[in-house]
């Protein structure tokens, strides 16, 4: 059974950092492309980072070099390091196996002074 579990969210002040984790229980983890998305209050869900099985990373322009996605093949975990957070980064962050319907339950990130 495939399962994704996010963790690491919380309340931080502007300019601070967080590292989110996505634990993936899938036998073929090494072959998977994993995405991080977020849904801000009142907005549509949007992609924030992607990593494929070769380690190639993609970020949309609005990330501006502040986020880094990485994966640990031993732990079957994908991380999202987020630096210099702003209130606009507030939302629920989800991880997803690309091209599948497998999603985690989400972890709340709140950036506020």
C-alpha atoms as a PDB file:
ATOM      1  CA  UNK A   1       0.000   0.000   0.000  1.00  0.00           C
ATOM      2  CA  UNK A   2       1.347   3.384  -1.012  1.00  0.00           C
ATOM      3  CA  UNK A   3       1.283   6.129   1.591  1.00  0.00           C
ATOM      4  CA  UNK A   4       2.769   9.600   1.882  1.00  0.00           C
ATOM      5  CA  UNK A   5       3.083  11.351   5.237  1.00  0.00           C
ATOM      6  CA  UNK A   6       4.156  14.977   5.515  1.00  0.00           C
ATOM      7  CA  UNK A   7       5.602  16.592   8.612  1.00  0.00           C
ATOM      8  CA  UNK A   8       7.621  19.608   9.666  1.00  0.00           C
ATOM      9  CA  UNK A   9       5.111  22.402   9.302  1.00  0.00           C
ATOM     10  CA  UNK A  10       4.577  25.053  11.926  1.00  0.00           C
ATOM     11  CA  UNK A  11       4.374  28.722  12.774  1.00  0.00           C
ATOM     12  CA  UNK A  12       7.430  30.829  11.942  1.00  0.00           C
ATOM     13  CA  UNK A  13       8.210  34.496  11.580  1.00  0.00           C
ATOM     14  CA  UNK A  14       9.030  36.158   8.249  1.00  0.00           C
ATOM     15  CA  UNK A  15      12.603  35.483   7.217  1.00  0.00           C
ATOM     16  CA  UNK A  16      12.817  32.189   9.091  1.00  0.00           C
ATOM     17  CA  UNK A  17      13.185  28.699   7.671  1.00  0.00           C
ATOM     18  CA  UNK A  18      11.401  25.363   7.813  1.00  0.00           C
ATOM     19  CA  UNK A  19      12.197  21.907   6.510  1.00  0.00           C
ATOM     20  CA  UNK A  20       9.274  19.758   5.487  1.00  0.00           C
ATOM     21  CA  UNK A  21       9.494  15.986   5.171  1.00  0.00           C
ATOM     22  CA  UNK A  22       7.507  13.594   3.019  1.00  0.00           C
ATOM     23  CA  UNK A  23       7.869   9.964   4.026  1.00  0.00           C
ATOM     24  CA  UNK A  24       6.933   7.699   1.131  1.00  0.00           C
ATOM     25  CA  UNK A  25       6.000   4.067   1.657  1.00  0.00           C
ATOM     26  CA  UNK A  26       6.401   2.640  -1.823  1.00  0.00           C
ATOM     27  CA  UNK A  27       8.625  -0.212  -2.966  1.00  0.00           C
ATOM     28  CA  UNK A  28       9.693   1.646  -6.102  1.00  0.00           C
ATOM     29  CA  UNK A  29      10.592   4.917  -4.355  1.00  0.00           C
ATOM     30  CA  UNK A  30      13.825   5.224  -6.349  1.00  0.00           C
ATOM     31  CA  UNK A  31      11.857   5.339  -9.600  1.00  0.00           C
ATOM     32  CA  UNK A  32       9.353   7.970  -8.534  1.00  0.00           C
ATOM     33  CA  UNK A  33       9.135  11.656  -9.278  1.00  0.00           C
ATOM     34  CA  UNK A  34       7.839  13.521  -6.233  1.00  0.00           C
ATOM     35  CA  UNK A  35       6.200  16.912  -6.125  1.00  0.00           C
ATOM     36  CA  UNK A  36       5.544  19.411  -3.348  1.00  0.00           C
ATOM     37  CA  UNK A  37       2.463  21.570  -3.721  1.00  0.00           C
ATOM     38  CA  UNK A  38       0.753  24.115  -1.523  1.00  0.00           C
ATOM     39  CA  UNK A  39      -2.688  25.573  -1.126  1.00  0.00           C
ATOM     40  CA  UNK A  40      -2.819  29.065   0.305  1.00  0.00           C
ATOM     41  CA  UNK A  41      -6.040  30.320   1.907  1.00  0.00           C
ATOM     42  CA  UNK A  42      -8.513  31.277  -0.801  1.00  0.00           C
ATOM     43  CA  UNK A  43      -6.203  30.213  -3.620  1.00  0.00           C
ATOM     44  CA  UNK A  44      -5.802  27.229  -5.918  1.00  0.00           C
ATOM     45  CA  UNK A  45      -3.225  24.555  -5.269  1.00  0.00           C
ATOM     46  CA  UNK A  46       0.138  25.279  -6.869  1.00  0.00           C
ATOM     47  CA  UNK A  47       3.331  23.375  -7.490  1.00  0.00           C
ATOM     48  CA  UNK A  48       6.342  24.566  -5.471  1.00  0.00           C
ATOM     49  CA  UNK A  49       9.001  21.952  -6.259  1.00  0.00           C
ATOM     50  CA  UNK A  50       9.601  18.701  -8.098  1.00  0.00           C
ATOM     51  CA  UNK A  51      12.381  16.124  -8.113  1.00  0.00           C
ATOM     52  CA  UNK A  52      12.619  13.178 -10.483  1.00  0.00           C
ATOM     53  CA  UNK A  53      14.388   9.862 -10.046  1.00  0.00           C
ATOM     54  CA  UNK A  54      17.616  11.287 -11.477  1.00  0.00           C
ATOM     55  CA  UNK A  55      17.651  14.110  -8.941  1.00  0.00           C
ATOM     56  CA  UNK A  56      16.658  16.768 -11.458  1.00  0.00           C
ATOM     57  CA  UNK A  57      14.892  19.579  -9.616  1.00  0.00           C
ATOM     58  CA  UNK A  58      12.302  22.011 -10.863  1.00  0.00           C
ATOM     59  CA  UNK A  59      10.946  25.121  -9.155  1.00  0.00           C
ATOM     60  CA  UNK A  60       8.441  27.672 -10.395  1.00  0.00           C
ATOM     61  CA  UNK A  61       9.712  31.199 -10.753  1.00  0.00           C
ATOM     62  CA  UNK A  62       8.028  32.562  -7.637  1.00  0.00           C
ATOM     63  CA  UNK A  63      10.220  30.354  -5.414  1.00  0.00           C
ATOM     64  CA  UNK A  64      13.122  32.632  -6.284  1.00  0.00           C
ATOM     65  CA  UNK A  65      15.863  30.311  -5.069  1.00  0.00           C
ATOM     66  CA  UNK A  66      14.464  30.099  -1.546  1.00  0.00           C
ATOM     67  CA  UNK A  67      13.352  26.434  -1.606  1.00  0.00           C
ATOM     68  CA  UNK A  68      15.390  23.271  -2.121  1.00  0.00           C
ATOM     69  CA  UNK A  69      13.936  19.831  -2.709  1.00  0.00           C
ATOM     70  CA  UNK A  70      16.002  16.755  -1.943  1.00  0.00           C
ATOM     71  CA  UNK A  71      15.510  13.045  -1.400  1.00  0.00           C
ATOM     72  CA  UNK A  72      16.983  10.395   0.854  1.00  0.00           C
ATOM     73  CA  UNK A  73      16.750   7.017  -0.836  1.00  0.00           C
ATOM     74  CA  UNK A  74      17.600   5.130   2.350  1.00  0.00           C
ATOM     75  CA  UNK A  75      14.862   6.807   4.355  1.00  0.00           C
ATOM     76  CA  UNK A  76      12.457   6.993   1.384  1.00  0.00           C
ATOM     77  CA  UNK A  77      11.872  10.599   2.278  1.00  0.00           C
ATOM     78  CA  UNK A  78      11.689  13.786   0.222  1.00  0.00           C
ATOM     79  CA  UNK A  79      12.512  17.068   1.914  1.00  0.00           C
ATOM     80  CA  UNK A  80      11.604  20.641   1.158  1.00  0.00           C
ATOM     81  CA  UNK A  81      13.960  23.166   2.721  1.00  0.00           C
ATOM     82  CA  UNK A  82      12.299  26.579   2.753  1.00  0.00           C
ATOM     83  CA  UNK A  83      14.333  29.662   3.582  1.00  0.00           C
ATOM     84  CA  UNK A  84      13.507  33.339   3.917  1.00  0.00           C
ATOM     85  CA  UNK A  85       9.816  32.586   4.321  1.00  0.00           C
ATOM     86  CA  UNK A  86       7.236  35.302   3.791  1.00  0.00           C
ATOM     87  CA  UNK A  87       3.564  35.529   4.797  1.00  0.00           C
ATOM     88  CA  UNK A  88       2.707  34.668   1.174  1.00  0.00           C
ATOM     89  CA  UNK A  89       4.179  31.200   1.791  1.00  0.00           C
ATOM     90  CA  UNK A  90       1.441  30.430   4.303  1.00  0.00           C
ATOM     91  CA  UNK A  91      -0.659  27.416   3.368  1.00  0.00           C
ATOM     92  CA  UNK A  92      -1.042  23.688   3.551  1.00  0.00           C
ATOM     93  CA  UNK A  93       1.840  21.874   1.907  1.00  0.00           C
ATOM     94  CA  UNK A  94       1.276  18.501   0.278  1.00  0.00           C
ATOM     95  CA  UNK A  95       3.548  15.971  -1.358  1.00  0.00           C
ATOM     96  CA  UNK A  96       2.438  13.817  -4.247  1.00  0.00           C
ATOM     97  CA  UNK A  97       3.776  11.049  -6.445  1.00  0.00           C
ATOM     98  CA  UNK A  98       3.794  12.553  -9.900  1.00  0.00           C
ATOM     99  CA  UNK A  99       1.193  11.258 -12.355  1.00  0.00           C
ATOM    100  CA  UNK A 100      -0.667   9.354  -9.639  1.00  0.00           C
ATOM    101  CA  UNK A 101      -3.519   9.983  -7.255  1.00  0.00           C
ATOM    102  CA  UNK A 102      -1.307   9.395  -4.229  1.00  0.00           C
ATOM    103  CA  UNK A 103      -1.174  12.401  -1.950  1.00  0.00           C
ATOM    104  CA  UNK A 104      -0.256  13.035   1.640  1.00  0.00           C
ATOM    105  CA  UNK A 105      -2.584  14.603   4.167  1.00  0.00           C
ATOM    106  CA  UNK A 106      -0.709  17.899   4.200  1.00  0.00           C
ATOM    107  CA  UNK A 107       1.180  19.931   6.772  1.00  0.00           C
ATOM    108  CA  UNK A 108       0.304  23.505   7.742  1.00  0.00           C
ATOM    109  CA  UNK A 109       2.872  26.256   7.298  1.00  0.00           C
ATOM    110  CA  UNK A 110       2.070  29.650   8.791  1.00  0.00           C
ATOM    111  CA  UNK A 111       4.386  32.603   8.385  1.00  0.00           C
ATOM    112  CA  UNK A 112       3.390  35.494  10.584  1.00  0.00           C
ATOM    113  CA  UNK A 113       4.902  38.079  12.851  1.00  0.00           C
END
